[in-house]
N, C-alpha and C. Protein backbone atom coordinates (compact mmCIF):
# COMPACT_ATOMS: atom_id res chain seq x y z
N UNK A 1 80.03 107.70 47.59
CA UNK A 1 79.40 108.79 48.31
C UNK A 1 80.29 109.27 49.45
N UNK A 2 81.10 108.39 49.99
CA UNK A 2 82.00 108.76 51.09
C UNK A 2 82.94 109.89 50.68
N UNK A 3 83.44 109.85 49.45
CA UNK A 3 84.35 110.88 48.95
C UNK A 3 83.72 112.27 49.06
N UNK A 4 82.50 112.43 48.57
CA UNK A 4 81.84 113.74 48.59
C UNK A 4 81.50 114.17 50.01
N UNK A 5 81.19 113.23 50.87
CA UNK A 5 80.93 113.57 52.27
C UNK A 5 82.18 114.16 52.91
N UNK A 6 83.30 113.53 52.64
CA UNK A 6 84.57 114.01 53.20
C UNK A 6 84.91 115.39 52.64
N UNK A 7 84.76 115.56 51.34
CA UNK A 7 85.05 116.85 50.69
C UNK A 7 84.17 117.95 51.27
N UNK A 8 82.88 117.69 51.39
CA UNK A 8 81.94 118.71 51.86
C UNK A 8 82.10 119.02 53.35
N UNK A 9 82.78 118.17 54.08
CA UNK A 9 83.05 118.44 55.49
C UNK A 9 84.33 119.24 55.68
N UNK A 10 85.08 119.44 54.59
CA UNK A 10 86.33 120.20 54.65
C UNK A 10 85.99 121.69 54.55
N UNK A 11 85.88 122.34 55.70
CA UNK A 11 85.49 123.74 55.77
C UNK A 11 86.39 124.65 54.95
N UNK A 12 87.67 124.43 55.02
CA UNK A 12 88.62 125.30 54.33
C UNK A 12 88.45 125.18 52.82
N UNK A 13 88.35 123.97 52.32
CA UNK A 13 88.18 123.75 50.89
C UNK A 13 86.84 124.30 50.39
N UNK A 14 85.77 124.00 51.10
CA UNK A 14 84.44 124.47 50.70
C UNK A 14 84.41 126.00 50.68
N UNK A 15 85.02 126.61 51.67
CA UNK A 15 85.03 128.07 51.75
C UNK A 15 85.81 128.68 50.58
N UNK A 16 86.97 128.13 50.27
CA UNK A 16 87.77 128.66 49.16
C UNK A 16 87.04 128.51 47.83
N UNK A 17 86.46 127.35 47.59
CA UNK A 17 85.74 127.12 46.33
C UNK A 17 84.52 128.03 46.24
N UNK A 18 83.84 128.23 47.36
CA UNK A 18 82.69 129.14 47.38
C UNK A 18 83.13 130.57 47.08
N UNK A 19 84.28 130.97 47.62
CA UNK A 19 84.82 132.30 47.33
C UNK A 19 85.03 132.50 45.86
N UNK A 20 85.61 131.49 45.19
CA UNK A 20 85.84 131.58 43.75
C UNK A 20 84.51 131.63 42.99
N UNK A 21 83.60 130.71 43.33
CA UNK A 21 82.34 130.59 42.62
C UNK A 21 81.49 131.86 42.72
N UNK A 22 81.35 132.39 43.92
CA UNK A 22 80.54 133.60 44.12
C UNK A 22 81.16 134.78 43.38
N UNK A 23 82.48 134.92 43.45
CA UNK A 23 83.14 136.02 42.74
C UNK A 23 82.94 135.91 41.23
N UNK A 24 83.04 134.71 40.69
CA UNK A 24 82.87 134.53 39.24
C UNK A 24 81.43 134.86 38.82
N UNK A 25 80.45 134.46 39.61
CA UNK A 25 79.06 134.77 39.29
C UNK A 25 78.83 136.28 39.38
N UNK A 26 79.33 136.91 40.44
CA UNK A 26 79.19 138.36 40.56
C UNK A 26 79.88 139.09 39.41
N UNK A 27 81.06 138.64 39.03
CA UNK A 27 81.81 139.23 37.93
C UNK A 27 80.99 139.15 36.63
N UNK A 28 80.35 138.03 36.42
CA UNK A 28 79.54 137.83 35.23
C UNK A 28 78.32 138.75 35.24
N UNK A 29 77.67 138.87 36.40
CA UNK A 29 76.49 139.74 36.52
C UNK A 29 76.86 141.21 36.35
N UNK A 30 77.99 141.62 36.91
CA UNK A 30 78.45 143.01 36.75
C UNK A 30 78.78 143.29 35.29
N UNK A 31 79.45 142.36 34.63
CA UNK A 31 79.77 142.52 33.21
C UNK A 31 78.49 142.59 32.38
N UNK A 32 77.51 141.77 32.71
CA UNK A 32 76.22 141.77 32.01
C UNK A 32 75.53 143.13 32.17
N UNK A 33 75.55 143.67 33.39
CA UNK A 33 74.91 144.96 33.64
C UNK A 33 75.63 146.10 32.90
N UNK A 34 76.95 146.06 32.88
CA UNK A 34 77.71 147.13 32.25
C UNK A 34 77.67 147.08 30.72
N UNK A 35 77.74 145.87 30.17
CA UNK A 35 77.84 145.72 28.71
C UNK A 35 76.53 145.33 28.03
N UNK A 36 75.50 145.08 28.82
CA UNK A 36 74.17 144.71 28.29
C UNK A 36 74.19 143.47 27.41
N UNK A 37 75.18 142.60 27.65
CA UNK A 37 75.23 141.33 26.92
C UNK A 37 75.94 140.30 27.80
N UNK A 38 75.51 139.05 27.66
CA UNK A 38 76.07 137.96 28.45
C UNK A 38 77.34 137.44 27.78
N UNK A 39 78.41 137.40 28.55
CA UNK A 39 79.69 136.89 28.06
C UNK A 39 80.04 135.65 28.90
N UNK A 40 79.83 134.45 28.36
CA UNK A 40 80.08 133.23 29.15
C UNK A 40 81.52 133.08 29.61
N UNK A 41 82.47 133.73 28.93
CA UNK A 41 83.88 133.65 29.33
C UNK A 41 84.08 134.25 30.72
N UNK A 42 83.24 135.19 31.11
CA UNK A 42 83.34 135.83 32.42
C UNK A 42 83.10 134.83 33.56
N UNK A 43 82.39 133.75 33.27
CA UNK A 43 82.11 132.75 34.31
C UNK A 43 83.37 132.01 34.76
N UNK A 44 84.36 131.92 33.89
CA UNK A 44 85.59 131.21 34.24
C UNK A 44 86.84 132.05 34.01
N UNK A 45 86.72 133.19 33.36
CA UNK A 45 87.88 133.99 33.00
C UNK A 45 88.44 134.80 34.15
N UNK A 46 89.66 135.27 33.95
CA UNK A 46 90.31 136.11 34.96
C UNK A 46 90.07 137.57 34.63
N UNK A 47 90.46 138.45 35.54
CA UNK A 47 90.25 139.88 35.38
C UNK A 47 88.83 140.27 35.71
N UNK A 48 88.60 141.53 35.94
CA UNK A 48 87.26 142.03 36.21
C UNK A 48 86.97 142.20 37.69
N UNK A 49 85.75 142.65 37.96
CA UNK A 49 85.30 142.99 39.31
C UNK A 49 84.26 142.01 39.78
N UNK A 50 84.43 141.44 40.97
CA UNK A 50 85.57 141.47 41.88
C UNK A 50 86.61 140.41 41.48
N UNK A 51 87.78 140.51 42.05
CA UNK A 51 88.84 139.55 41.76
C UNK A 51 88.50 138.20 42.39
N UNK A 52 88.32 137.19 41.56
CA UNK A 52 88.04 135.85 42.10
C UNK A 52 89.29 135.23 42.70
N UNK A 53 90.46 135.64 42.22
CA UNK A 53 91.71 135.16 42.82
C UNK A 53 91.78 135.64 44.28
N UNK A 54 91.51 136.93 44.48
CA UNK A 54 91.56 137.50 45.83
C UNK A 54 90.48 136.90 46.72
N UNK A 55 89.30 136.75 46.16
CA UNK A 55 88.20 136.17 46.93
C UNK A 55 88.54 134.75 47.38
N UNK A 56 89.11 133.98 46.48
CA UNK A 56 89.47 132.58 46.79
C UNK A 56 90.52 132.50 47.88
N UNK A 57 91.61 133.24 47.72
CA UNK A 57 92.71 133.12 48.69
C UNK A 57 92.36 133.75 50.03
N UNK A 58 91.56 134.81 50.02
CA UNK A 58 91.16 135.41 51.30
C UNK A 58 90.13 134.55 52.02
N UNK A 59 89.26 133.89 51.27
CA UNK A 59 88.34 132.93 51.88
C UNK A 59 89.14 131.77 52.48
N UNK A 60 90.12 131.29 51.74
CA UNK A 60 90.99 130.21 52.21
C UNK A 60 91.70 130.60 53.50
N UNK A 61 92.30 131.78 53.51
CA UNK A 61 93.07 132.24 54.66
C UNK A 61 92.18 132.45 55.88
N UNK A 62 91.03 133.06 55.67
CA UNK A 62 90.11 133.30 56.79
C UNK A 62 89.58 131.99 57.34
N UNK A 63 89.25 131.05 56.45
CA UNK A 63 88.76 129.74 56.90
C UNK A 63 89.86 129.00 57.67
N UNK A 64 91.10 129.12 57.20
CA UNK A 64 92.21 128.48 57.91
C UNK A 64 92.39 129.09 59.30
N UNK A 65 92.16 130.39 59.41
CA UNK A 65 92.28 131.03 60.74
C UNK A 65 91.19 130.54 61.68
N UNK A 66 89.98 130.35 61.16
CA UNK A 66 88.88 129.83 61.98
C UNK A 66 89.15 128.38 62.39
N UNK A 67 89.59 127.59 61.44
CA UNK A 67 89.74 126.14 61.68
C UNK A 67 90.98 125.79 62.49
N UNK A 68 92.10 126.45 62.18
CA UNK A 68 93.38 126.05 62.78
C UNK A 68 94.01 127.12 63.68
N UNK A 69 93.51 128.36 63.61
CA UNK A 69 94.06 129.44 64.41
C UNK A 69 95.13 130.21 63.65
N UNK A 70 95.35 131.46 64.06
CA UNK A 70 96.29 132.31 63.34
C UNK A 70 97.75 131.96 63.62
N UNK A 71 97.98 131.13 64.61
CA UNK A 71 99.35 130.69 64.89
C UNK A 71 99.73 129.40 64.18
N UNK A 72 98.85 128.91 63.35
CA UNK A 72 99.06 127.61 62.71
C UNK A 72 99.87 127.71 61.42
N UNK A 73 100.45 126.58 61.07
CA UNK A 73 101.16 126.41 59.81
C UNK A 73 100.21 126.66 58.64
N UNK A 74 98.98 126.12 58.73
CA UNK A 74 97.99 126.27 57.66
C UNK A 74 97.66 127.74 57.39
N UNK A 75 97.48 128.50 58.47
CA UNK A 75 97.19 129.93 58.31
C UNK A 75 98.38 130.65 57.68
N UNK A 76 99.58 130.34 58.16
CA UNK A 76 100.79 131.01 57.65
C UNK A 76 100.94 130.79 56.15
N UNK A 77 100.79 129.56 55.72
CA UNK A 77 100.91 129.25 54.28
C UNK A 77 99.83 129.97 53.48
N UNK A 78 98.60 129.93 53.97
CA UNK A 78 97.48 130.59 53.28
C UNK A 78 97.69 132.10 53.20
N UNK A 79 98.18 132.68 54.29
CA UNK A 79 98.41 134.13 54.32
C UNK A 79 99.47 134.55 53.31
N UNK A 80 100.58 133.84 53.29
CA UNK A 80 101.66 134.15 52.35
C UNK A 80 101.17 133.97 50.91
N UNK A 81 100.45 132.89 50.65
CA UNK A 81 99.88 132.66 49.32
C UNK A 81 98.96 133.81 48.93
N UNK A 82 98.13 134.26 49.85
CA UNK A 82 97.21 135.37 49.57
C UNK A 82 97.97 136.63 49.18
N UNK A 83 99.02 136.95 49.91
CA UNK A 83 99.79 138.15 49.61
C UNK A 83 100.43 138.07 48.23
N UNK A 84 100.96 136.91 47.89
CA UNK A 84 101.60 136.73 46.58
C UNK A 84 100.57 136.85 45.46
N UNK A 85 99.44 136.18 45.61
CA UNK A 85 98.40 136.19 44.58
C UNK A 85 97.86 137.60 44.36
N UNK A 86 97.57 138.32 45.43
CA UNK A 86 97.00 139.66 45.29
C UNK A 86 98.02 140.66 44.74
N UNK A 87 99.26 140.54 45.18
CA UNK A 87 100.33 141.40 44.65
C UNK A 87 100.51 141.16 43.15
N UNK A 88 100.52 139.89 42.77
CA UNK A 88 100.68 139.53 41.37
C UNK A 88 99.51 140.03 40.52
N UNK A 89 98.30 139.94 41.05
CA UNK A 89 97.12 140.38 40.29
C UNK A 89 97.17 141.87 39.99
N UNK A 90 97.67 142.65 40.95
CA UNK A 90 97.75 144.11 40.75
C UNK A 90 99.03 144.53 40.04
N UNK A 91 100.00 143.66 39.99
CA UNK A 91 101.29 144.02 39.41
C UNK A 91 101.49 143.43 38.04
N UNK A 92 102.17 142.30 38.00
CA UNK A 92 102.57 141.67 36.74
C UNK A 92 101.37 141.38 35.84
N UNK A 93 100.33 140.77 36.39
CA UNK A 93 99.18 140.41 35.55
C UNK A 93 98.44 141.64 35.04
N UNK A 94 98.36 142.68 35.85
CA UNK A 94 97.70 143.91 35.39
C UNK A 94 98.49 144.55 34.25
N UNK A 95 99.80 144.59 34.39
CA UNK A 95 100.66 145.15 33.35
C UNK A 95 100.57 144.32 32.07
N UNK A 96 100.48 143.01 32.21
CA UNK A 96 100.32 142.13 31.05
C UNK A 96 99.05 142.48 30.28
N UNK A 97 97.97 142.75 31.01
CA UNK A 97 96.71 143.14 30.38
C UNK A 97 96.82 144.46 29.63
N UNK A 98 97.54 145.41 30.24
CA UNK A 98 97.74 146.70 29.57
C UNK A 98 98.55 146.53 28.29
N UNK A 99 99.59 145.70 28.34
CA UNK A 99 100.40 145.44 27.15
C UNK A 99 99.59 144.75 26.07
N UNK A 100 98.74 143.81 26.47
CA UNK A 100 97.90 143.10 25.50
C UNK A 100 96.96 144.07 24.81
N UNK A 101 96.41 145.01 25.55
CA UNK A 101 95.50 146.00 24.97
C UNK A 101 96.23 146.86 23.94
N UNK A 102 97.43 147.29 24.28
CA UNK A 102 98.24 148.09 23.36
C UNK A 102 98.59 147.29 22.11
N UNK A 103 99.05 146.06 22.30
CA UNK A 103 99.42 145.22 21.15
C UNK A 103 98.21 144.94 20.27
N UNK A 104 97.06 144.71 20.86
CA UNK A 104 95.85 144.46 20.07
C UNK A 104 95.51 145.67 19.20
N UNK A 105 95.65 146.87 19.76
CA UNK A 105 95.34 148.07 18.98
C UNK A 105 96.35 148.27 17.84
N UNK A 106 97.61 147.96 18.12
CA UNK A 106 98.65 148.06 17.08
C UNK A 106 98.40 147.03 15.97
N UNK A 107 98.10 145.79 16.36
CA UNK A 107 97.89 144.72 15.38
C UNK A 107 96.61 144.92 14.57
N UNK A 108 95.64 145.64 15.13
CA UNK A 108 94.40 145.92 14.41
C UNK A 108 94.69 146.83 13.22
N UNK A 109 95.58 147.80 13.43
CA UNK A 109 95.92 148.74 12.36
C UNK A 109 97.02 148.22 11.44
N UNK A 110 97.91 147.41 11.99
CA UNK A 110 99.05 146.89 11.23
C UNK A 110 99.18 145.38 11.46
N UNK A 111 98.42 144.60 10.71
CA UNK A 111 98.50 143.15 10.90
C UNK A 111 99.93 142.64 10.75
N UNK A 112 100.29 141.71 11.59
CA UNK A 112 101.66 141.20 11.62
C UNK A 112 101.70 139.81 10.99
N UNK A 113 102.72 139.61 10.15
CA UNK A 113 102.92 138.29 9.57
C UNK A 113 104.05 137.61 10.33
N UNK A 114 103.78 136.40 10.75
CA UNK A 114 104.78 135.61 11.45
C UNK A 114 104.89 134.28 10.73
N UNK A 115 106.06 133.99 10.19
CA UNK A 115 106.29 132.79 9.38
C UNK A 115 105.30 132.71 8.21
N UNK A 116 105.02 133.85 7.61
CA UNK A 116 104.14 133.90 6.44
C UNK A 116 102.66 133.83 6.78
N UNK A 117 102.31 133.82 8.06
CA UNK A 117 100.91 133.71 8.48
C UNK A 117 100.51 134.98 9.21
N UNK A 118 99.35 135.55 8.85
CA UNK A 118 98.88 136.77 9.51
C UNK A 118 98.32 136.40 10.88
N UNK A 119 98.80 137.11 11.91
CA UNK A 119 98.30 136.88 13.27
C UNK A 119 96.95 137.56 13.41
N UNK A 120 95.91 136.78 13.66
CA UNK A 120 94.57 137.34 13.79
C UNK A 120 93.99 137.14 15.18
N UNK A 121 94.59 136.27 15.97
CA UNK A 121 94.06 136.00 17.30
C UNK A 121 94.35 137.17 18.22
N UNK A 122 93.29 137.68 18.85
CA UNK A 122 93.42 138.81 19.76
C UNK A 122 93.98 138.33 21.09
N UNK A 123 94.92 139.09 21.64
CA UNK A 123 95.50 138.75 22.94
C UNK A 123 94.48 139.04 24.05
N UNK A 124 94.52 138.24 25.09
CA UNK A 124 93.59 138.41 26.20
C UNK A 124 93.99 139.63 27.02
N UNK A 125 93.06 140.57 27.18
CA UNK A 125 93.34 141.83 27.87
C UNK A 125 92.95 141.80 29.34
N UNK A 126 91.99 140.96 29.69
CA UNK A 126 91.54 140.90 31.09
C UNK A 126 92.29 139.81 31.84
N UNK A 127 93.46 140.13 32.33
CA UNK A 127 94.23 139.14 33.08
C UNK A 127 94.59 139.63 34.48
N UNK A 128 94.59 140.92 34.69
CA UNK A 128 94.97 141.47 35.99
C UNK A 128 93.83 142.25 36.61
N UNK A 129 94.14 142.92 37.72
CA UNK A 129 93.11 143.64 38.47
C UNK A 129 93.62 144.98 38.97
N UNK A 130 92.68 145.91 39.13
CA UNK A 130 92.97 147.17 39.79
C UNK A 130 92.97 146.91 41.30
N UNK A 131 93.56 147.81 42.08
CA UNK A 131 93.51 147.64 43.53
C UNK A 131 92.07 147.54 44.07
N UNK A 132 91.14 148.29 43.47
CA UNK A 132 89.73 148.22 43.90
C UNK A 132 89.16 146.82 43.67
N UNK A 133 89.44 146.23 42.52
CA UNK A 133 88.94 144.88 42.22
C UNK A 133 89.53 143.85 43.17
N UNK A 134 90.82 143.99 43.49
CA UNK A 134 91.47 143.08 44.43
C UNK A 134 90.89 143.26 45.83
N UNK A 135 90.71 144.52 46.23
CA UNK A 135 90.12 144.80 47.55
C UNK A 135 88.72 144.26 47.68
N UNK A 136 87.91 144.44 46.63
CA UNK A 136 86.53 143.93 46.65
C UNK A 136 86.52 142.40 46.74
N UNK A 137 87.41 141.76 46.01
CA UNK A 137 87.51 140.30 46.08
C UNK A 137 87.94 139.84 47.46
N UNK A 138 88.90 140.55 48.06
CA UNK A 138 89.39 140.19 49.39
C UNK A 138 88.27 140.30 50.42
N UNK A 139 87.54 141.41 50.38
CA UNK A 139 86.42 141.60 51.33
C UNK A 139 85.36 140.54 51.12
N UNK A 140 85.04 140.24 49.87
CA UNK A 140 84.05 139.20 49.56
C UNK A 140 84.48 137.86 50.15
N UNK A 141 85.73 137.48 49.93
CA UNK A 141 86.23 136.21 50.44
C UNK A 141 86.19 136.13 51.95
N UNK A 142 86.58 137.21 52.61
CA UNK A 142 86.57 137.23 54.08
C UNK A 142 85.14 137.12 54.60
N UNK A 143 84.22 137.88 54.01
CA UNK A 143 82.82 137.83 54.45
C UNK A 143 82.21 136.45 54.23
N UNK A 144 82.49 135.84 53.09
CA UNK A 144 81.98 134.48 52.84
C UNK A 144 82.54 133.49 53.85
N UNK A 145 83.82 133.61 54.20
CA UNK A 145 84.42 132.71 55.16
C UNK A 145 83.80 132.86 56.54
N UNK A 146 83.53 134.10 56.94
CA UNK A 146 82.88 134.35 58.23
C UNK A 146 81.48 133.75 58.23
N UNK A 147 80.76 133.94 57.13
CA UNK A 147 79.40 133.40 57.02
C UNK A 147 79.40 131.88 57.04
N UNK A 148 80.28 131.26 56.26
CA UNK A 148 80.34 129.80 56.18
C UNK A 148 80.79 129.20 57.51
N UNK A 149 81.65 129.90 58.23
CA UNK A 149 82.13 129.40 59.53
C UNK A 149 80.98 129.23 60.53
N UNK A 150 79.90 129.96 60.34
CA UNK A 150 78.73 129.84 61.23
C UNK A 150 78.05 128.48 61.09
N UNK A 151 78.27 127.80 59.96
CA UNK A 151 77.61 126.53 59.68
C UNK A 151 78.51 125.32 59.92
N UNK A 152 79.78 125.54 60.22
CA UNK A 152 80.70 124.43 60.46
C UNK A 152 81.03 124.32 61.92
């Protein structure tokens, strides 16, 4: 029991995990409302609104600023990590998703044989985020961190 007590007293960790969890649940609910069907992959998958990556790292960074101050090593590392993660989500990962969508449409019309085997597995298209999705995740993470800080 001591292990869980120590974990739950770690404000920065609890805040970051909460940022991820809340974003994933919201992402699933938004997908359910838009598509009128429940997709369990949305609970753990990447891509979509809001960005759980952004929510997690912004919650982490904000919690680190509350706990250690903005002049701390912990805040500096969290801030740099946040910038890299959010830049990557809107850049490389978003482009990867666009390429996957294009390849899936091409392969649907022209199945590809690789080593004598037809490729049937669809590439994952939801891997990156639009700037709006990243921004929404960032705001969510910051708000959650501010809220959680009231209880620590």
